[in-house]
Amino acid sequence: MQKLIKISLLLTIAIAISLNGCKQRAANQVAKVPPEYKVFTVQRAPYQRMLYFASRLMPLNCQPLASPADGVVTQKTFQYGQEVKSGELLFTIQSLKEQTDYQAALTRYFQAKQDFMHNSQDYENNAKLWEKGIVAKEVYDNSQRAYFTSRLNLLQAEAAFKKFLKTPEELKVLDQLSSPDIGNLDRILQFDKTVREINVYSPLNGLAVFQEKVGGDSKFVNVGDEVKVGQMLICIASSQGLSLGIQVNEANIQDIFVGQRATVTMDALADKGMLLQGYIESIETQAKGGDQLPTFFVRVVIPKVTVEQAKLIKIGMSAKVGFSIKHEPHILIPIEAVDHYLDKAKVKTLDKATGKITETIVETGETTINDVAIISGLKEGDQVLVPNKTD
């Protein structure tokens, strides 16, 4: 009996050892993965993706400077993008209309001054004669009215003429007209023909730039160009910050918002590692675009740049504006795990129980730099084979 018990125990131990070996071999079989792959366990996680838009660097704030008259630019003393100082001469404009108006105002002033001097003398004489009873009261009253009328006309003509006087040299013209000499008038008019030009000065410190109009129909103003009164000659920009305009299509407009942070890089300064930080200042609420996909204009501002950055940055440089878009948790897998064949996306999945590798069709969604979102075909806990990266 004891012998049978021992034999039974030995058989039980042998069976247990055999079963344990089978389990170990099965486990080894499950864990065996081709060396060119690694196993990725599917899970849900929040993710971010980047939206990028092409643009150009423009000034943050810009004060336009318009032409004061019709004419031709005869002098430009700066280069576009150059820093200028308040009061610095920027343009000289020669204008025939301005010169004609100047001469007409000068002539009216001269005539008004002549009339006033004549009526003043006449009034003074008639006042003395009326006191002595030599002339009638009506003659005295008429000379008094003519005196006051000519005085008013002189004040109006002087005010109109002074609008053209901008330099100390020109202000001396009034003194030169003290003598009622027609030859003096001719001399002054000849003087005006040789020197009469309009100087345009910078109203403040900043960068001399030209702000393009929407549609790109603007051009730089240079020597020899004809300009119209009110036409923008230049824009004096602040050097403290920058702005960019981008067009965002209707598919992406819901992903951005006013105040959202933006990163700005420039291809021309890529080797400098320059990265500027800005934010969305405004988003237009009406789309533009005809047959094309409607887009919304978005203004991005960079409120401040360092002195070192300002030395390298040039207005008009091409730039890339990026926004980080955050998403709720989703199933993500490495992008290299997905194979595409015709119009289908497939991944290799590993059966944890049997160690069998199968191809599974999946529906993909948005992608990031490294990952792709899976809309259907996988669930949390699934194991996906990802090719090992090779150099």
Protein backbone atom coordinates (compact mmCIF):
# COMPACT_ATOMS: atom_id res chain seq x y z
CA MET A 1 0.00 0.00 0.00
CA GLN A 2 2.74 2.40 0.90
CA LYS A 3 4.48 1.51 -2.32
CA LEU A 4 1.38 2.52 -4.31
CA ILE A 5 1.17 5.82 -2.45
CA LYS A 6 4.80 6.62 -3.29
CA ILE A 7 4.24 5.75 -6.94
CA SER A 8 1.14 8.03 -7.01
CA LEU A 9 3.10 10.90 -5.48
CA LEU A 10 5.89 10.51 -7.98
CA LEU A 11 3.42 10.55 -10.87
CA THR A 12 1.73 13.69 -9.51
CA ILE A 13 5.08 15.49 -9.25
CA ALA A 14 6.04 14.44 -12.77
CA ILE A 15 2.74 15.68 -14.21
CA ALA A 16 3.10 19.02 -12.40
CA ILE A 17 6.62 19.50 -13.74
CA SER A 18 5.43 18.64 -17.25
CA LEU A 19 2.51 21.11 -17.08
CA ASN A 20 4.78 23.84 -15.77
CA GLY A 21 7.16 23.28 -18.68
CA CYS A 22 4.29 23.51 -21.16
CA LYS A 23 3.16 26.79 -19.63
CA GLN A 24 6.69 28.16 -19.79
CA ARG A 25 7.01 27.15 -23.45
CA ALA A 26 3.63 28.76 -24.22
CA ALA A 27 4.70 31.94 -22.43
CA ASN A 28 7.93 31.98 -24.38
CA GLN A 29 5.96 31.51 -27.59
CA VAL A 30 3.64 34.46 -26.73
CA ALA A 31 6.52 36.77 -25.84
CA LYS A 32 8.44 35.98 -29.02
CA VAL A 33 8.33 39.05 -31.32
CA PRO A 34 10.25 39.47 -34.60
CA PRO A 35 13.47 41.36 -33.86
CA GLU A 36 12.60 44.16 -36.27
CA TYR A 37 9.54 45.07 -34.17
CA LYS A 38 8.74 46.17 -30.65
CA VAL A 39 5.43 45.88 -28.81
CA PHE A 40 3.30 48.95 -28.04
CA THR A 41 0.32 48.63 -25.70
CA VAL A 42 -2.61 50.75 -26.87
CA GLN A 43 -3.91 53.33 -24.40
CA ARG A 44 -5.90 56.55 -24.34
CA ALA A 45 -4.03 59.79 -23.75
CA PRO A 46 -4.48 63.54 -24.32
CA TYR A 47 -2.44 64.94 -27.19
CA GLN A 48 -1.43 68.13 -28.93
CA ARG A 49 -0.95 68.94 -32.56
CA MET A 50 0.54 71.97 -34.26
CA LEU A 51 -1.08 74.25 -36.82
CA TYR A 52 1.33 76.25 -38.98
CA PHE A 53 0.70 79.26 -41.21
CA ALA A 54 2.99 81.22 -43.50
CA SER A 55 3.22 84.97 -43.05
CA ARG A 56 5.57 87.96 -43.08
CA LEU A 57 6.86 90.16 -40.29
CA MET A 58 5.21 93.57 -40.12
CA PRO A 59 5.36 96.46 -37.60
CA LEU A 60 3.34 96.26 -34.41
CA ASN A 61 2.25 99.91 -34.58
CA CYS A 62 2.70 102.26 -37.50
CA GLN A 63 1.91 105.96 -37.95
CA PRO A 64 1.22 106.81 -41.60
CA LEU A 65 2.69 109.95 -43.11
CA ALA A 66 0.71 111.40 -46.03
CA SER A 67 1.71 113.76 -48.80
CA PRO A 68 0.66 117.34 -48.02
CA ALA A 69 0.18 118.21 -51.72
CA ASP A 70 0.14 116.93 -55.28
CA GLY A 71 3.61 116.90 -56.78
CA VAL A 72 6.77 115.02 -57.68
CA VAL A 73 9.23 113.56 -55.17
CA THR A 74 12.60 115.23 -55.75
CA GLN A 75 14.45 113.87 -52.70
CA LYS A 76 14.29 110.81 -50.43
CA THR A 77 16.83 110.78 -47.61
CA PHE A 78 16.39 107.29 -46.13
CA GLN A 79 16.29 103.58 -46.94
CA TYR A 80 13.13 101.56 -46.23
CA GLY A 81 13.51 99.70 -42.94
CA GLN A 82 16.02 102.28 -41.65
CA GLU A 83 15.65 103.84 -38.20
CA VAL A 84 14.81 107.55 -38.33
CA LYS A 85 14.59 110.29 -35.70
CA SER A 86 11.80 112.72 -34.92
CA GLY A 87 12.18 115.86 -37.06
CA GLU A 88 14.46 114.17 -39.58
CA LEU A 89 13.92 115.16 -43.23
CA LEU A 90 12.43 112.26 -45.20
CA PHE A 91 11.06 113.64 -48.49
CA THR A 92 11.15 116.78 -50.58
CA ILE A 93 8.19 117.29 -52.91
CA GLN A 94 7.98 119.83 -55.69
CA SER A 95 4.42 120.80 -56.53
CA LEU A 96 3.29 123.16 -59.29
CA LYS A 97 -0.14 123.47 -57.69
CA GLU A 98 1.39 124.29 -54.34
CA GLN A 99 3.63 126.85 -55.96
CA THR A 100 0.69 128.38 -57.85
CA ASP A 101 -1.42 128.52 -54.70
CA TYR A 102 1.49 130.08 -52.84
CA GLN A 103 1.92 132.80 -55.44
CA ALA A 104 -1.82 133.46 -55.55
CA ALA A 105 -1.93 133.82 -51.75
CA LEU A 106 1.07 136.11 -51.88
CA THR A 107 -0.58 138.28 -54.54
CA ARG A 108 -3.85 138.49 -52.57
CA TYR A 109 -1.92 139.47 -49.48
CA PHE A 110 -0.02 142.17 -51.38
CA GLN A 111 -3.24 143.58 -52.88
CA ALA A 112 -5.01 143.51 -49.50
CA LYS A 113 -2.06 145.32 -47.92
CA GLN A 114 -2.12 147.96 -50.67
CA ASP A 115 -5.88 148.45 -50.25
CA PHE A 116 -5.55 148.70 -46.49
CA MET A 117 -2.76 151.30 -46.68
CA HIS A 118 -4.78 153.35 -49.20
CA ASN A 119 -8.03 153.18 -47.19
CA SER A 120 -6.20 153.83 -43.94
CA GLN A 121 -4.69 157.04 -45.31
CA ASP A 122 -8.03 158.07 -46.84
CA TYR A 123 -9.87 157.46 -43.55
CA GLU A 124 -7.29 159.41 -41.59
CA ASN A 125 -7.55 162.41 -43.98
CA ASN A 126 -11.37 162.41 -44.06
CA ALA A 127 -11.50 162.23 -40.26
CA LYS A 128 -9.46 165.43 -40.00
CA LEU A 129 -11.53 167.18 -42.70
CA TRP A 130 -14.82 166.12 -41.08
CA GLU A 131 -13.68 167.54 -37.74
CA LYS A 132 -13.03 170.87 -39.49
CA GLY A 133 -16.38 170.72 -41.28
CA ILE A 134 -14.85 170.57 -44.71
CA VAL A 135 -16.39 167.20 -45.78
CA ALA A 136 -19.84 165.79 -45.18
CA LYS A 137 -20.58 163.11 -42.56
CA GLU A 138 -21.46 160.64 -45.34
CA VAL A 139 -17.98 160.95 -46.84
CA TYR A 140 -16.43 160.31 -43.42
CA ASP A 141 -18.68 157.28 -42.78
CA ASN A 142 -17.89 155.77 -46.18
CA SER A 143 -14.14 156.10 -45.65
CA GLN A 144 -14.49 154.55 -42.18
CA ARG A 145 -16.38 151.51 -43.57
CA ALA A 146 -13.80 151.10 -46.34
CA TYR A 147 -11.03 151.21 -43.73
CA PHE A 148 -12.54 148.49 -41.54
CA THR A 149 -13.40 146.32 -44.57
CA SER A 150 -9.87 146.54 -45.97
CA ARG A 151 -8.44 145.77 -42.53
CA LEU A 152 -10.55 142.60 -42.31
CA ASN A 153 -9.52 141.59 -45.84
CA LEU A 154 -5.87 142.09 -44.93
CA LEU A 155 -6.15 139.88 -41.84
CA GLN A 156 -7.80 137.11 -43.88
CA ALA A 157 -5.22 137.35 -46.67
CA GLU A 158 -2.36 137.32 -44.13
CA ALA A 159 -3.76 134.20 -42.41
CA ALA A 160 -4.11 132.40 -45.77
CA PHE A 161 -0.58 133.41 -46.79
CA LYS A 162 1.02 132.32 -43.50
CA LYS A 163 -0.14 128.73 -44.09
CA PHE A 164 2.60 128.47 -46.71
CA LEU A 165 5.36 129.90 -44.51
CA LYS A 166 7.29 127.07 -42.85
CA THR A 167 10.88 128.31 -42.56
CA PRO A 168 12.46 131.45 -41.02
CA GLU A 169 13.53 132.50 -44.49
CA GLU A 170 9.97 132.43 -45.74
CA LEU A 171 8.68 134.33 -42.71
CA LYS A 172 10.82 137.28 -43.78
CA VAL A 173 8.56 137.66 -46.81
CA LEU A 174 6.05 139.65 -44.73
CA ASP A 175 8.73 142.18 -43.80
CA GLN A 176 9.85 142.41 -47.43
CA LEU A 177 6.31 143.43 -48.41
CA SER A 178 6.29 146.48 -46.17
CA SER A 179 6.98 148.74 -49.12
CA PRO A 180 4.24 149.03 -51.80
CA ASP A 181 6.67 148.41 -54.60
CA ILE A 182 5.55 146.25 -57.51
CA GLY A 183 9.19 145.52 -58.25
CA ASN A 184 9.52 144.08 -54.75
CA LEU A 185 6.63 141.72 -55.50
CA ASP A 186 8.29 140.52 -58.70
CA ARG A 187 11.51 139.86 -56.82
CA ILE A 188 9.77 137.83 -54.15
CA LEU A 189 7.82 135.80 -56.70
CA GLN A 190 11.06 135.03 -58.54
CA PHE A 191 12.62 134.01 -55.23
CA ASP A 192 9.73 131.60 -54.67
CA LYS A 193 10.12 129.99 -58.12
CA THR A 194 13.68 128.94 -57.30
CA VAL A 195 13.30 127.60 -53.74
CA ARG A 196 9.64 126.69 -53.23
CA GLU A 197 9.55 122.98 -52.28
CA ILE A 198 7.72 121.06 -49.58
CA ASN A 199 9.79 119.20 -47.00
CA VAL A 200 8.27 116.23 -45.16
CA TYR A 201 9.75 115.41 -41.75
CA SER A 202 9.43 112.38 -39.47
CA PRO A 203 6.90 113.03 -36.67
CA LEU A 204 8.55 110.57 -34.26
CA ASN A 205 11.38 108.08 -33.73
CA GLY A 206 10.92 104.70 -35.42
CA LEU A 207 11.51 102.57 -38.48
CA ALA A 208 10.77 104.02 -41.91
CA VAL A 209 8.67 101.31 -43.58
CA PHE A 210 6.00 101.05 -46.23
CA GLN A 211 2.84 99.28 -45.12
CA GLU A 212 1.31 97.37 -48.00
CA LYS A 213 -2.39 97.60 -48.69
CA VAL A 214 -4.58 94.50 -48.78
CA GLY A 215 -4.36 93.13 -52.32
CA GLY A 216 -0.75 94.16 -52.82
CA ASP A 217 -1.51 97.19 -55.03
CA SER A 218 0.86 99.51 -53.14
CA LYS A 219 4.42 100.40 -54.04
CA PHE A 220 7.41 102.09 -52.50
CA VAL A 221 7.66 105.83 -53.05
CA ASN A 222 10.94 106.92 -54.62
CA VAL A 223 12.49 109.96 -56.27
CA GLY A 224 10.68 110.88 -59.48
CA ASP A 225 7.33 109.42 -58.43
CA GLU A 226 4.19 111.52 -58.69
CA VAL A 227 2.18 111.71 -55.47
CA LYS A 228 -1.31 112.98 -54.66
CA VAL A 229 -2.38 114.97 -51.64
CA GLY A 230 -3.32 112.55 -48.85
CA GLN A 231 -1.40 109.65 -50.43
CA MET A 232 0.60 107.66 -47.88
CA LEU A 233 4.29 108.25 -48.39
CA ILE A 234 5.67 106.18 -45.55
CA CYS A 235 4.82 104.62 -42.22
CA ILE A 236 6.87 105.28 -39.08
CA ALA A 237 6.82 102.01 -37.16
CA SER A 238 7.61 101.22 -33.57
CA SER A 239 10.71 99.06 -33.14
CA GLN A 240 9.40 97.59 -29.87
CA GLY A 241 7.29 94.78 -31.35
CA LEU A 242 6.02 93.03 -34.48
CA SER A 243 2.78 91.78 -36.00
CA LEU A 244 1.75 89.15 -38.55
CA GLY A 245 -1.38 88.53 -40.56
CA ILE A 246 -2.49 85.00 -41.41
CA GLN A 247 -5.42 83.48 -43.26
CA VAL A 248 -7.09 80.58 -41.40
CA ASN A 249 -9.55 78.39 -43.30
CA GLU A 250 -12.96 77.44 -41.97
CA ALA A 251 -11.77 73.92 -41.11
CA ASN A 252 -9.29 75.25 -38.53
CA ILE A 253 -10.87 78.49 -37.33
CA GLN A 254 -12.68 76.72 -34.47
CA ASP A 255 -9.34 75.50 -33.08
CA ILE A 256 -7.97 78.98 -32.36
CA PHE A 257 -9.10 81.86 -30.14
CA VAL A 258 -8.18 85.42 -29.19
CA GLY A 259 -5.34 85.41 -26.67
CA GLN A 260 -4.00 82.03 -27.79
CA ARG A 261 -0.22 81.78 -27.65
CA ALA A 262 1.75 81.56 -30.88
CA THR A 263 5.35 80.72 -31.73
CA VAL A 264 7.04 82.45 -34.66
CA THR A 265 10.13 81.27 -36.51
CA MET A 266 11.96 82.68 -39.53
CA ASP A 267 13.70 80.58 -42.15
CA ALA A 268 16.30 83.30 -42.72
CA LEU A 269 17.31 83.12 -39.04
CA ALA A 270 16.94 79.37 -38.53
CA ASP A 271 20.67 79.01 -37.88
CA LYS A 272 20.35 81.54 -35.05
CA GLY A 273 17.75 79.44 -33.26
CA MET A 274 15.49 82.48 -32.92
CA LEU A 275 12.01 81.75 -31.56
CA LEU A 276 9.58 84.63 -30.97
CA GLN A 277 6.56 84.45 -28.67
CA GLY A 278 3.27 86.14 -29.51
CA TYR A 279 -0.49 85.78 -29.23
CA ILE A 280 -3.65 86.19 -31.29
CA GLU A 281 -4.90 89.77 -30.98
CA SER A 282 -7.98 89.59 -33.23
CA ILE A 283 -9.94 87.24 -35.48
CA GLU A 284 -12.22 88.57 -38.20
CA THR A 285 -15.74 87.19 -37.95
CA GLN A 286 -16.50 87.39 -41.68
CA ALA A 287 -14.80 85.01 -44.09
CA LYS A 288 -13.17 86.00 -47.36
CA GLY A 289 -12.78 83.95 -50.50
CA GLY A 290 -14.92 83.24 -53.53
CA ASP A 291 -14.67 79.83 -55.13
CA GLN A 292 -11.83 78.85 -52.83
CA LEU A 293 -12.14 77.60 -49.25
CA PRO A 294 -13.29 80.57 -47.14
CA THR A 295 -10.64 82.01 -44.85
CA PHE A 296 -10.63 84.37 -41.86
CA PHE A 297 -7.97 87.04 -41.30
CA VAL A 298 -6.17 86.63 -37.97
CA ARG A 299 -3.73 89.20 -36.53
CA VAL A 300 -0.90 87.89 -34.37
CA VAL A 301 1.21 90.30 -32.32
CA ILE A 302 4.65 89.94 -30.81
CA PRO A 303 4.58 92.64 -28.11
CA LYS A 304 8.31 92.83 -27.53
CA VAL A 305 11.62 91.83 -29.09
CA THR A 306 15.04 92.11 -27.50
CA VAL A 307 17.71 94.50 -28.71
CA GLU A 308 19.72 91.56 -30.03
CA GLN A 309 16.70 90.19 -31.93
CA ALA A 310 15.86 93.61 -33.37
CA LYS A 311 19.35 93.87 -34.87
CA LEU A 312 18.76 90.69 -36.92
CA ILE A 313 15.07 90.99 -37.79
CA LYS A 314 14.06 92.83 -40.95
CA ILE A 315 10.53 94.03 -41.68
CA GLY A 316 9.01 91.90 -44.44
CA MET A 317 10.92 88.69 -43.59
CA SER A 318 9.00 85.48 -44.22
CA ALA A 319 7.88 83.75 -41.05
CA LYS A 320 6.01 80.67 -39.85
CA VAL A 321 3.35 81.02 -37.15
CA GLY A 322 2.57 77.92 -35.07
CA PHE A 323 -0.26 77.15 -32.63
CA SER A 324 -0.41 74.19 -30.25
CA ILE A 325 -3.91 72.65 -30.37
CA LYS A 326 -4.88 70.54 -27.32
CA HIS A 327 -7.26 67.56 -27.64
CA GLU A 328 -9.13 65.36 -25.20
CA PRO A 329 -7.78 61.83 -24.45
CA HIS A 330 -7.86 59.56 -27.49
CA ILE A 331 -6.34 56.26 -28.60
CA LEU A 332 -2.89 57.07 -29.96
CA ILE A 333 -0.26 54.83 -31.51
CA PRO A 334 3.13 55.61 -33.06
CA ILE A 335 2.67 56.86 -36.60
CA GLU A 336 5.21 54.38 -38.01
CA ALA A 337 2.99 51.47 -36.82
CA VAL A 338 0.46 52.23 -39.55
CA ASP A 339 0.84 50.76 -43.05
CA HIS A 340 -1.18 52.13 -45.95
CA TYR A 341 -2.33 50.01 -48.87
CA LEU A 342 -4.60 51.59 -51.46
CA ASP A 343 -7.23 53.42 -49.38
CA LYS A 344 -6.87 51.29 -46.25
CA ALA A 345 -4.79 51.75 -43.12
CA LYS A 346 -3.53 48.61 -41.34
CA VAL A 347 -1.55 47.74 -38.24
CA LYS A 348 0.04 44.52 -37.00
CA THR A 349 -1.50 43.35 -33.72
CA LEU A 350 -0.23 40.68 -31.34
CA ASP A 351 -2.61 38.21 -29.67
CA LYS A 352 -1.45 38.05 -26.06
CA ALA A 353 -2.95 34.57 -25.53
CA THR A 354 -1.64 32.78 -28.60
CA GLY A 355 1.27 34.97 -29.72
CA LYS A 356 -0.27 35.17 -33.20
CA ILE A 357 0.40 38.25 -35.30
CA THR A 358 -2.46 39.52 -37.50
CA GLU A 359 -3.16 42.56 -39.64
CA THR A 360 -6.00 44.78 -38.42
CA ILE A 361 -7.71 47.48 -40.48
CA VAL A 362 -8.03 50.79 -38.60
CA GLU A 363 -9.51 54.22 -39.24
CA THR A 364 -7.04 56.99 -38.54
CA GLY A 365 -7.66 60.57 -37.43
CA GLU A 366 -5.42 63.53 -36.75
CA THR A 367 -1.67 63.14 -36.51
CA THR A 368 1.04 64.76 -34.43
CA ILE A 369 4.75 64.69 -35.12
CA ASN A 370 5.09 61.20 -33.62
CA ASP A 371 1.60 59.74 -33.18
CA VAL A 372 -1.67 59.16 -34.99
CA ALA A 373 -5.15 59.05 -33.46
CA ILE A 374 -7.15 55.86 -34.06
CA ILE A 375 -10.89 56.37 -34.53
CA SER A 376 -11.83 52.68 -34.85
CA GLY A 377 -10.20 49.24 -35.09
CA LEU A 378 -8.29 49.22 -31.80
CA LYS A 379 -9.16 49.36 -28.12
CA GLU A 380 -7.24 50.01 -24.96
CA GLY A 381 -4.95 47.13 -24.01
CA ASP A 382 -4.40 45.89 -27.56
CA GLN A 383 -0.80 45.25 -28.49
CA VAL A 384 0.55 46.72 -31.72
CA LEU A 385 3.86 45.97 -33.39
CA VAL A 386 5.96 49.04 -34.12
CA PRO A 387 8.99 48.82 -36.43
CA ASN A 388 12.26 49.54 -34.70
CA LYS A 389 13.74 52.80 -35.89
CA THR A 390 16.98 52.42 -37.75
CA ASP A 391 19.55 55.11 -38.42
